[in-house]
């Protein structure tokens, strides 16, 4: 078996979702919700380039969509995403 030539390790939807929620939460400590929301397209393009159409990409996308529904920061969305991560669902 030949090892993958990609340095990116795929970890799955839930782990990538949890990782993304944590990163978003950290960014929100330093920037406004509007400033962080404006990065969505940039972050998703980078995730798509790194992970392709994988569950990892969908985890990143779903995290951003949960916290920024319709492109606007939602404190309730962040709380729900964190709760989902804590419950492992």
PDB file of N, CA and C in Angstrom:
ATOM      1  N   UNK A   1       0.845  -1.178   0.000  1.00  0.00           N
ATOM      2  CA  UNK A   1       0.000   0.000   0.000  1.00  0.00           C
ATOM      3  C   UNK A   1       0.890   1.240   0.000  1.00  0.00           C
ATOM      4  N   UNK A   2       0.577   2.180  -0.847  1.00  0.00           N
ATOM      5  CA  UNK A   2       1.345   3.417  -0.951  1.00  0.00           C
ATOM      6  C   UNK A   2       0.733   4.472  -0.041  1.00  0.00           C
ATOM      7  N   UNK A   3       1.522   5.124   0.810  1.00  0.00           N
ATOM      8  CA  UNK A   3       0.980   6.179   1.657  1.00  0.00           C
ATOM      9  C   UNK A   3       0.510   7.359   0.819  1.00  0.00           C
ATOM     10  N   UNK A   4      -0.435   8.066   1.345  1.00  0.00           N
ATOM     11  CA  UNK A   4      -0.961   9.248   0.672  1.00  0.00           C
ATOM     12  C   UNK A   4       0.132  10.297   0.526  1.00  0.00           C
ATOM     13  N   UNK A   5       0.127  10.976  -0.617  1.00  0.00           N
ATOM     14  CA  UNK A   5       1.105  12.043  -0.841  1.00  0.00           C
ATOM     15  C   UNK A   5       0.657  13.352  -0.201  1.00  0.00           C
ATOM     16  N   UNK A   6      -0.554  13.395   0.277  1.00  0.00           N
ATOM     17  CA  UNK A   6      -1.089  14.602   0.895  1.00  0.00           C
ATOM     18  C   UNK A   6      -0.662  14.704   2.353  1.00  0.00           C
ATOM     19  N   UNK A   7      -0.170  15.892   2.761  1.00  0.00           N
ATOM     20  CA  UNK A   7       0.194  16.070   4.169  1.00  0.00           C
ATOM     21  C   UNK A   7      -1.037  16.284   5.060  1.00  0.00           C
ATOM     22  N   UNK A   8      -2.216  16.405   4.455  1.00  0.00           N
ATOM     23  CA  UNK A   8      -3.456  16.649   5.185  1.00  0.00           C
ATOM     24  C   UNK A   8      -4.043  15.320   5.636  1.00  0.00           C
ATOM     25  N   UNK A   9      -4.340  15.234   6.914  1.00  0.00           N
ATOM     26  CA  UNK A   9      -4.966  14.027   7.457  1.00  0.00           C
ATOM     27  C   UNK A   9      -6.453  14.281   7.633  1.00  0.00           C
ATOM     28  N   UNK A  10      -7.259  13.438   7.061  1.00  0.00           N
ATOM     29  CA  UNK A  10      -8.707  13.566   7.199  1.00  0.00           C
ATOM     30  C   UNK A  10      -9.133  12.941   8.524  1.00  0.00           C
ATOM     31  N   UNK A  11      -9.977  13.645   9.265  1.00  0.00           N
ATOM     32  CA  UNK A  11     -10.389  13.171  10.583  1.00  0.00           C
ATOM     33  C   UNK A  11     -11.891  12.977  10.700  1.00  0.00           C
ATOM     34  N   UNK A  12     -12.649  13.378   9.699  1.00  0.00           N
ATOM     35  CA  UNK A  12     -14.086  13.176   9.724  1.00  0.00           C
ATOM     36  C   UNK A  12     -14.879  14.418  10.097  1.00  0.00           C
ATOM     37  N   UNK A  13     -16.168  14.321   9.830  1.00  0.00           N
ATOM     38  CA  UNK A  13     -17.075  15.453  10.014  1.00  0.00           C
ATOM     39  C   UNK A  13     -17.111  15.963  11.444  1.00  0.00           C
ATOM     40  N   UNK A  14     -17.378  15.081  12.390  1.00  0.00           N
ATOM     41  CA  UNK A  14     -17.544  15.537  13.784  1.00  0.00           C
ATOM     42  C   UNK A  14     -16.276  16.173  14.349  1.00  0.00           C
ATOM     43  N   UNK A  15     -15.142  15.557  14.119  1.00  0.00           N
ATOM     44  CA  UNK A  15     -13.891  16.122  14.655  1.00  0.00           C
ATOM     45  C   UNK A  15     -13.556  17.439  13.986  1.00  0.00           C
ATOM     46  N   UNK A  16     -13.781  17.535  12.673  1.00  0.00           N
ATOM     47  CA  UNK A  16     -13.488  18.793  11.980  1.00  0.00           C
ATOM     48  C   UNK A  16     -14.502  19.860  12.377  1.00  0.00           C
ATOM     49  N   UNK A  17     -15.761  19.460  12.597  1.00  0.00           N
ATOM     50  CA  UNK A  17     -16.784  20.393  13.071  1.00  0.00           C
ATOM     51  C   UNK A  17     -16.364  20.952  14.429  1.00  0.00           C
ATOM     52  N   UNK A  18     -15.975  20.081  15.341  1.00  0.00           N
ATOM     53  CA  UNK A  18     -15.562  20.508  16.689  1.00  0.00           C
ATOM     54  C   UNK A  18     -14.348  21.427  16.618  1.00  0.00           C
ATOM     55  N   UNK A  19     -13.386  21.065  15.801  1.00  0.00           N
ATOM     56  CA  UNK A  19     -12.184  21.888  15.636  1.00  0.00           C
ATOM     57  C   UNK A  19     -12.559  23.272  15.095  1.00  0.00           C
ATOM     58  N   UNK A  20     -13.460  23.311  14.136  1.00  0.00           N
ATOM     59  CA  UNK A  20     -13.863  24.580  13.534  1.00  0.00           C
ATOM     60  C   UNK A  20     -14.636  25.448  14.509  1.00  0.00           C
ATOM     61  N   UNK A  21     -15.524  24.845  15.282  1.00  0.00           N
ATOM     62  CA  UNK A  21     -16.279  25.605  16.287  1.00  0.00           C
ATOM     63  C   UNK A  21     -15.307  26.226  17.292  1.00  0.00           C
ATOM     64  N   UNK A  22     -14.321  25.472  17.736  1.00  0.00           N
ATOM     65  CA  UNK A  22     -13.325  25.997  18.681  1.00  0.00           C
ATOM     66  C   UNK A  22     -12.543  27.151  18.061  1.00  0.00           C
ATOM     67  N   UNK A  23     -12.164  27.023  16.803  1.00  0.00           N
ATOM     68  CA  UNK A  23     -11.430  28.097  16.141  1.00  0.00           C
ATOM     69  C   UNK A  23     -12.288  29.340  15.972  1.00  0.00           C
ATOM     70  N   UNK A  24     -13.536  29.152  15.596  1.00  0.00           N
ATOM     71  CA  UNK A  24     -14.449  30.287  15.454  1.00  0.00           C
ATOM     72  C   UNK A  24     -14.615  30.981  16.802  1.00  0.00           C
ATOM     73  N   UNK A  25     -14.830  30.205  17.850  1.00  0.00           N
ATOM     74  CA  UNK A  25     -15.003  30.761  19.198  1.00  0.00           C
ATOM     75  C   UNK A  25     -13.778  31.583  19.601  1.00  0.00           C
ATOM     76  N   UNK A  26     -12.600  31.079  19.317  1.00  0.00           N
ATOM     77  CA  UNK A  26     -11.376  31.810  19.636  1.00  0.00           C
ATOM     78  C   UNK A  26     -11.299  33.110  18.846  1.00  0.00           C
ATOM     79  N   UNK A  27     -11.618  33.062  17.563  1.00  0.00           N
ATOM     80  CA  UNK A  27     -11.594  34.274  16.754  1.00  0.00           C
ATOM     81  C   UNK A  27     -12.580  35.311  17.274  1.00  0.00           C
ATOM     82  N   UNK A  28     -13.727  34.843  17.767  1.00  0.00           N
ATOM     83  CA  UNK A  28     -14.744  35.769  18.269  1.00  0.00           C
ATOM     84  C   UNK A  28     -14.302  36.474  19.557  1.00  0.00           C
ATOM     85  N   UNK A  29     -13.315  35.912  20.255  1.00  0.00           N
ATOM     86  CA  UNK A  29     -12.789  36.578  21.445  1.00  0.00           C
ATOM     87  C   UNK A  29     -12.002  37.828  21.076  1.00  0.00           C
ATOM     88  N   UNK A  30     -11.468  37.867  19.851  1.00  0.00           N
ATOM     89  CA  UNK A  30     -10.597  38.959  19.434  1.00  0.00           C
ATOM     90  C   UNK A  30     -11.217  39.873  18.382  1.00  0.00           C
ATOM     91  N   UNK A  31     -12.240  39.406  17.692  1.00  0.00           N
ATOM     92  CA  UNK A  31     -12.852  40.176  16.609  1.00  0.00           C
ATOM     93  C   UNK A  31     -14.368  40.151  16.735  1.00  0.00           C
ATOM     94  N   UNK A  32     -15.005  41.113  16.109  1.00  0.00           N
ATOM     95  CA  UNK A  32     -16.467  41.161  16.121  1.00  0.00           C
ATOM     96  C   UNK A  32     -17.033  40.027  15.273  1.00  0.00           C
ATOM     97  N   UNK A  33     -18.270  39.700  15.524  1.00  0.00           N
ATOM     98  CA  UNK A  33     -18.940  38.665  14.748  1.00  0.00           C
ATOM     99  C   UNK A  33     -18.959  39.001  13.268  1.00  0.00           C
ATOM    100  N   UNK A  34     -19.137  40.284  12.943  1.00  0.00           N
ATOM    101  CA  UNK A  34     -19.166  40.693  11.532  1.00  0.00           C
ATOM    102  C   UNK A  34     -17.804  40.474  10.877  1.00  0.00           C
ATOM    103  N   UNK A  35     -16.729  40.788  11.598  1.00  0.00           N
ATOM    104  CA  UNK A  35     -15.383  40.607  11.044  1.00  0.00           C
ATOM    105  C   UNK A  35     -15.073  39.130  10.820  1.00  0.00           C
ATOM    106  N   UNK A  36     -15.484  38.293  11.744  1.00  0.00           N
ATOM    107  CA  UNK A  36     -15.232  36.863  11.606  1.00  0.00           C
ATOM    108  C   UNK A  36     -16.113  36.290  10.496  1.00  0.00           C
ATOM    109  N   UNK A  37     -17.364  36.674  10.454  1.00  0.00           N
ATOM    110  CA  UNK A  37     -18.279  36.179   9.420  1.00  0.00           C
ATOM    111  C   UNK A  37     -17.756  36.494   8.023  1.00  0.00           C
ATOM    112  N   UNK A  38     -17.090  37.624   7.868  1.00  0.00           N
ATOM    113  CA  UNK A  38     -16.572  38.034   6.563  1.00  0.00           C
ATOM    114  C   UNK A  38     -15.497  37.077   6.050  1.00  0.00           C
ATOM    115  N   UNK A  39     -14.928  36.271   6.921  1.00  0.00           N
ATOM    116  CA  UNK A  39     -13.878  35.321   6.527  1.00  0.00           C
ATOM    117  C   UNK A  39     -14.435  33.990   6.011  1.00  0.00           C
ATOM    118  N   UNK A  40     -15.737  33.790   6.078  1.00  0.00           N
ATOM    119  CA  UNK A  40     -16.339  32.500   5.728  1.00  0.00           C
ATOM    120  C   UNK A  40     -15.883  31.981   4.377  1.00  0.00           C
ATOM    121  N   UNK A  41     -16.024  32.788   3.338  1.00  0.00           N
ATOM    122  CA  UNK A  41     -15.687  32.321   1.995  1.00  0.00           C
ATOM    123  C   UNK A  41     -14.212  31.943   1.897  1.00  0.00           C
ATOM    124  N   UNK A  42     -13.350  32.741   2.517  1.00  0.00           N
ATOM    125  CA  UNK A  42     -11.905  32.456   2.522  1.00  0.00           C
ATOM    126  C   UNK A  42     -11.607  31.128   3.218  1.00  0.00           C
ATOM    127  N   UNK A  43     -12.226  30.927   4.370  1.00  0.00           N
ATOM    128  CA  UNK A  43     -11.993  29.704   5.138  1.00  0.00           C
ATOM    129  C   UNK A  43     -12.532  28.488   4.394  1.00  0.00           C
ATOM    130  N   UNK A  44     -13.718  28.604   3.826  1.00  0.00           N
ATOM    131  CA  UNK A  44     -14.291  27.466   3.109  1.00  0.00           C
ATOM    132  C   UNK A  44     -13.506  27.135   1.844  1.00  0.00           C
ATOM    133  N   UNK A  45     -12.993  28.152   1.161  1.00  0.00           N
ATOM    134  CA  UNK A  45     -12.173  27.896  -0.020  1.00  0.00           C
ATOM    135  C   UNK A  45     -10.896  27.153   0.375  1.00  0.00           C
ATOM    136  N   UNK A  46     -10.291  27.557   1.479  1.00  0.00           N
ATOM    137  CA  UNK A  46      -9.079  26.880   1.955  1.00  0.00           C
ATOM    138  C   UNK A  46      -9.390  25.445   2.372  1.00  0.00           C
ATOM    139  N   UNK A  47     -10.524  25.247   3.052  1.00  0.00           N
ATOM    140  CA  UNK A  47     -10.914  23.893   3.461  1.00  0.00           C
ATOM    141  C   UNK A  47     -11.192  23.013   2.244  1.00  0.00           C
ATOM    142  N   UNK A  48     -11.850  23.562   1.247  1.00  0.00           N
ATOM    143  CA  UNK A  48     -12.151  22.797   0.026  1.00  0.00           C
ATOM    144  C   UNK A  48     -10.857  22.416  -0.689  1.00  0.00           C
ATOM    145  N   UNK A  49      -9.903  23.346  -0.738  1.00  0.00           N
ATOM    146  CA  UNK A  49      -8.617  23.067  -1.374  1.00  0.00           C
ATOM    147  C   UNK A  49      -7.846  21.995  -0.605  1.00  0.00           C
ATOM    148  N   UNK A  50      -7.922  22.049   0.714  1.00  0.00           N
ATOM    149  CA  UNK A  50      -7.171  21.105   1.540  1.00  0.00           C
ATOM    150  C   UNK A  50      -7.839  19.733   1.611  1.00  0.00           C
ATOM    151  N   UNK A  51      -9.151  19.701   1.765  1.00  0.00           N
ATOM    152  CA  UNK A  51      -9.850  18.452   2.044  1.00  0.00           C
ATOM    153  C   UNK A  51     -10.649  17.897   0.877  1.00  0.00           C
ATOM    154  N   UNK A  52     -10.819  18.697  -0.181  1.00  0.00           N
ATOM    155  CA  UNK A  52     -11.656  18.258  -1.292  1.00  0.00           C
ATOM    156  C   UNK A  52     -13.097  18.122  -0.824  1.00  0.00           C
ATOM    157  N   UNK A  53     -13.911  17.394  -1.568  1.00  0.00           N
ATOM    158  CA  UNK A  53     -15.323  17.253  -1.195  1.00  0.00           C
ATOM    159  C   UNK A  53     -15.520  16.147  -0.148  1.00  0.00           C
ATOM    160  N   UNK A  54     -14.806  16.251   0.944  1.00  0.00           N
ATOM    161  CA  UNK A  54     -14.826  15.206   1.973  1.00  0.00           C
ATOM    162  C   UNK A  54     -15.728  15.584   3.143  1.00  0.00           C
ATOM    163  N   UNK A  55     -15.874  14.639   4.068  1.00  0.00           N
ATOM    164  CA  UNK A  55     -16.610  14.916   5.303  1.00  0.00           C
ATOM    165  C   UNK A  55     -15.903  15.998   6.122  1.00  0.00           C
ATOM    166  N   UNK A  56     -14.594  16.084   6.016  1.00  0.00           N
ATOM    167  CA  UNK A  56     -13.852  17.121   6.727  1.00  0.00           C
ATOM    168  C   UNK A  56     -14.261  18.508   6.228  1.00  0.00           C
ATOM    169  N   UNK A  57     -14.333  18.663   4.909  1.00  0.00           N
ATOM    170  CA  UNK A  57     -14.781  19.938   4.351  1.00  0.00           C
ATOM    171  C   UNK A  57     -16.196  20.256   4.842  1.00  0.00           C
ATOM    172  N   UNK A  58     -17.062  19.259   4.816  1.00  0.00           N
ATOM    173  CA  UNK A  58     -18.442  19.492   5.254  1.00  0.00           C
ATOM    174  C   UNK A  58     -18.503  19.851   6.736  1.00  0.00           C
ATOM    175  N   UNK A  59     -17.595  19.312   7.540  1.00  0.00           N
ATOM    176  CA  UNK A  59     -17.545  19.681   8.953  1.00  0.00           C
ATOM    177  C   UNK A  59     -17.205  21.149   9.152  1.00  0.00           C
ATOM    178  N   UNK A  60     -16.238  21.631   8.377  1.00  0.00           N
ATOM    179  CA  UNK A  60     -15.863  23.055   8.438  1.00  0.00           C
ATOM    180  C   UNK A  60     -17.043  23.911   7.989  1.00  0.00           C
ATOM    181  N   UNK A  61     -17.615  23.559   6.852  1.00  0.00           N
ATOM    182  CA  UNK A  61     -18.747  24.325   6.312  1.00  0.00           C
ATOM    183  C   UNK A  61     -19.927  24.342   7.286  1.00  0.00           C
ATOM    184  N   UNK A  62     -20.246  23.188   7.848  1.00  0.00           N
ATOM    185  CA  UNK A  62     -21.390  23.107   8.759  1.00  0.00           C
ATOM    186  C   UNK A  62     -21.157  23.928  10.029  1.00  0.00           C
ATOM    187  N   UNK A  63     -19.929  23.967  10.512  1.00  0.00           N
ATOM    188  CA  UNK A  63     -19.624  24.779  11.694  1.00  0.00           C
ATOM    189  C   UNK A  63     -19.851  26.265  11.394  1.00  0.00           C
ATOM    190  N   UNK A  64     -19.337  26.705  10.264  1.00  0.00           N
ATOM    191  CA  UNK A  64     -19.519  28.121   9.907  1.00  0.00           C
ATOM    192  C   UNK A  64     -20.993  28.439   9.690  1.00  0.00           C
ATOM    193  N   UNK A  65     -21.722  27.531   9.040  1.00  0.00           N
ATOM    194  CA  UNK A  65     -23.144  27.768   8.804  1.00  0.00           C
ATOM    195  C   UNK A  65     -23.949  27.756  10.104  1.00  0.00           C
ATOM    196  N   UNK A  66     -23.505  26.982  11.089  1.00  0.00           N
ATOM    197  CA  UNK A  66     -24.207  26.938  12.380  1.00  0.00           C
ATOM    198  C   UNK A  66     -24.017  28.235  13.159  1.00  0.00           C
ATOM    199  N   UNK A  67     -22.808  28.764  13.138  1.00  0.00           N
ATOM    200  CA  UNK A  67     -22.495  29.965  13.921  1.00  0.00           C
ATOM    201  C   UNK A  67     -22.887  31.235  13.176  1.00  0.00           C
ATOM    202  N   UNK A  68     -22.879  31.188  11.858  1.00  0.00           N
ATOM    203  CA  UNK A  68     -23.195  32.367  11.040  1.00  0.00           C
ATOM    204  C   UNK A  68     -24.305  32.061  10.041  1.00  0.00           C
ATOM    205  N   UNK A  69     -25.494  31.697  10.539  1.00  0.00           N
ATOM    206  CA  UNK A  69     -26.576  31.425   9.585  1.00  0.00           C
ATOM    207  C   UNK A  69     -26.881  32.688   8.782  1.00  0.00           C
ATOM    208  N   UNK A  70     -27.087  32.536   7.521  1.00  0.00           N
ATOM    209  CA  UNK A  70     -27.347  33.665   6.621  1.00  0.00           C
ATOM    210  C   UNK A  70     -26.221  34.696   6.660  1.00  0.00           C
ATOM    211  N   UNK A  71     -25.010  34.269   7.046  1.00  0.00           N
ATOM    212  CA  UNK A  71     -23.852  35.162   7.041  1.00  0.00           C
ATOM    213  C   UNK A  71     -23.765  36.135   8.194  1.00  0.00           C
ATOM    214  N   UNK A  72     -24.630  35.963   9.197  1.00  0.00           N
ATOM    215  CA  UNK A  72     -24.672  36.874  10.347  1.00  0.00           C
ATOM    216  C   UNK A  72     -24.393  36.071  11.615  1.00  0.00           C
ATOM    217  N   UNK A  73     -23.539  36.610  12.481  1.00  0.00           N
ATOM    218  CA  UNK A  73     -23.197  35.932  13.731  1.00  0.00           C
ATOM    219  C   UNK A  73     -24.440  35.673  14.572  1.00  0.00           C
ATOM    220  N   UNK A  74     -24.512  34.462  15.111  1.00  0.00           N
ATOM    221  CA  UNK A  74     -25.611  34.079  15.979  1.00  0.00           C
ATOM    222  C   UNK A  74     -25.038  33.501  17.277  1.00  0.00           C
ATOM    223  N   UNK A  75     -25.240  34.221  18.388  1.00  0.00           N
ATOM    224  CA  UNK A  75     -24.782  33.713  19.684  1.00  0.00           C
ATOM    225  C   UNK A  75     -25.487  32.397  20.000  1.00  0.00           C
ATOM    226  N   UNK A  76     -26.742  32.298  19.629  1.00  0.00           N
ATOM    227  CA  UNK A  76     -27.483  31.053  19.847  1.00  0.00           C
ATOM    228  C   UNK A  76     -26.913  29.937  18.982  1.00  0.00           C
ATOM    229  N   UNK A  77     -26.543  30.260  17.760  1.00  0.00           N
ATOM    230  CA  UNK A  77     -25.936  29.278  16.875  1.00  0.00           C
ATOM    231  C   UNK A  77     -24.627  28.746  17.438  1.00  0.00           C
ATOM    232  N   UNK A  78     -23.801  29.649  18.001  1.00  0.00           N
ATOM    233  CA  UNK A  78     -22.544  29.231  18.611  1.00  0.00           C
ATOM    234  C   UNK A  78     -22.813  28.344  19.820  1.00  0.00           C
ATOM    235  N   UNK A  79     -23.766  28.741  20.650  1.00  0.00           N
ATOM    236  CA  UNK A  79     -24.102  27.938  21.835  1.00  0.00           C
ATOM    237  C   UNK A  79     -24.604  26.552  21.423  1.00  0.00           C
ATOM    238  N   UNK A  80     -25.449  26.503  20.398  1.00  0.00           N
ATOM    239  CA  UNK A  80     -25.970  25.215  19.926  1.00  0.00           C
ATOM    240  C   UNK A  80     -24.849  24.349  19.348  1.00  0.00           C
ATOM    241  N   UNK A  81     -23.927  24.975  18.605  1.00  0.00           N
ATOM    242  CA  UNK A  81     -22.806  24.230  18.021  1.00  0.00           C
ATOM    243  C   UNK A  81     -21.910  23.680  19.123  1.00  0.00           C
ATOM    244  N   UNK A  82     -21.636  24.493  20.145  1.00  0.00           N
ATOM    245  CA  UNK A  82     -20.805  24.014  21.270  1.00  0.00           C
ATOM    246  C   UNK A  82     -21.485  22.869  21.995  1.00  0.00           C
ATOM    247  N   UNK A  83     -22.784  22.983  22.191  1.00  0.00           N
ATOM    248  CA  UNK A  83     -23.540  21.924  22.868  1.00  0.00           C
ATOM    249  C   UNK A  83     -23.502  20.643  22.037  1.00  0.00           C
ATOM    250  N   UNK A  84     -23.620  20.780  20.737  1.00  0.00           N
ATOM    251  CA  UNK A  84     -23.550  19.621  19.852  1.00  0.00           C
ATOM    252  C   UNK A  84     -22.195  18.931  19.955  1.00  0.00           C
ATOM    253  N   UNK A  85     -21.138  19.733  20.037  1.00  0.00           N
ATOM    254  CA  UNK A  85     -19.788  19.168  20.195  1.00  0.00           C
ATOM    255  C   UNK A  85     -19.657  18.449  21.525  1.00  0.00           C
ATOM    256  N   UNK A  86     -20.161  19.062  22.592  1.00  0.00           N
ATOM    257  CA  UNK A  86     -20.084  18.459  23.920  1.00  0.00           C
ATOM    258  C   UNK A  86     -20.842  17.136  23.991  1.00  0.00           C
ATOM    259  N   UNK A  87     -21.968  17.081  23.278  1.00  0.00           N
ATOM    260  CA  UNK A  87     -22.780  15.868  23.293  1.00  0.00           C
ATOM    261  C   UNK A  87     -22.277  14.833  22.296  1.00  0.00           C
ATOM    262  N   UNK A  88     -21.342  15.252  21.448  1.00  0.00           N
ATOM    263  CA  UNK A  88     -20.785  14.329  20.469  1.00  0.00           C
ATOM    264  C   UNK A  88     -21.728  13.963  19.355  1.00  0.00           C
ATOM    265  N   UNK A  89     -22.713  14.829  19.110  1.00  0.00           N
ATOM    266  CA  UNK A  89     -23.660  14.511  18.035  1.00  0.00           C
ATOM    267  C   UNK A  89     -23.552  15.450  16.877  1.00  0.00           C
TER     268      UNK A  89
END
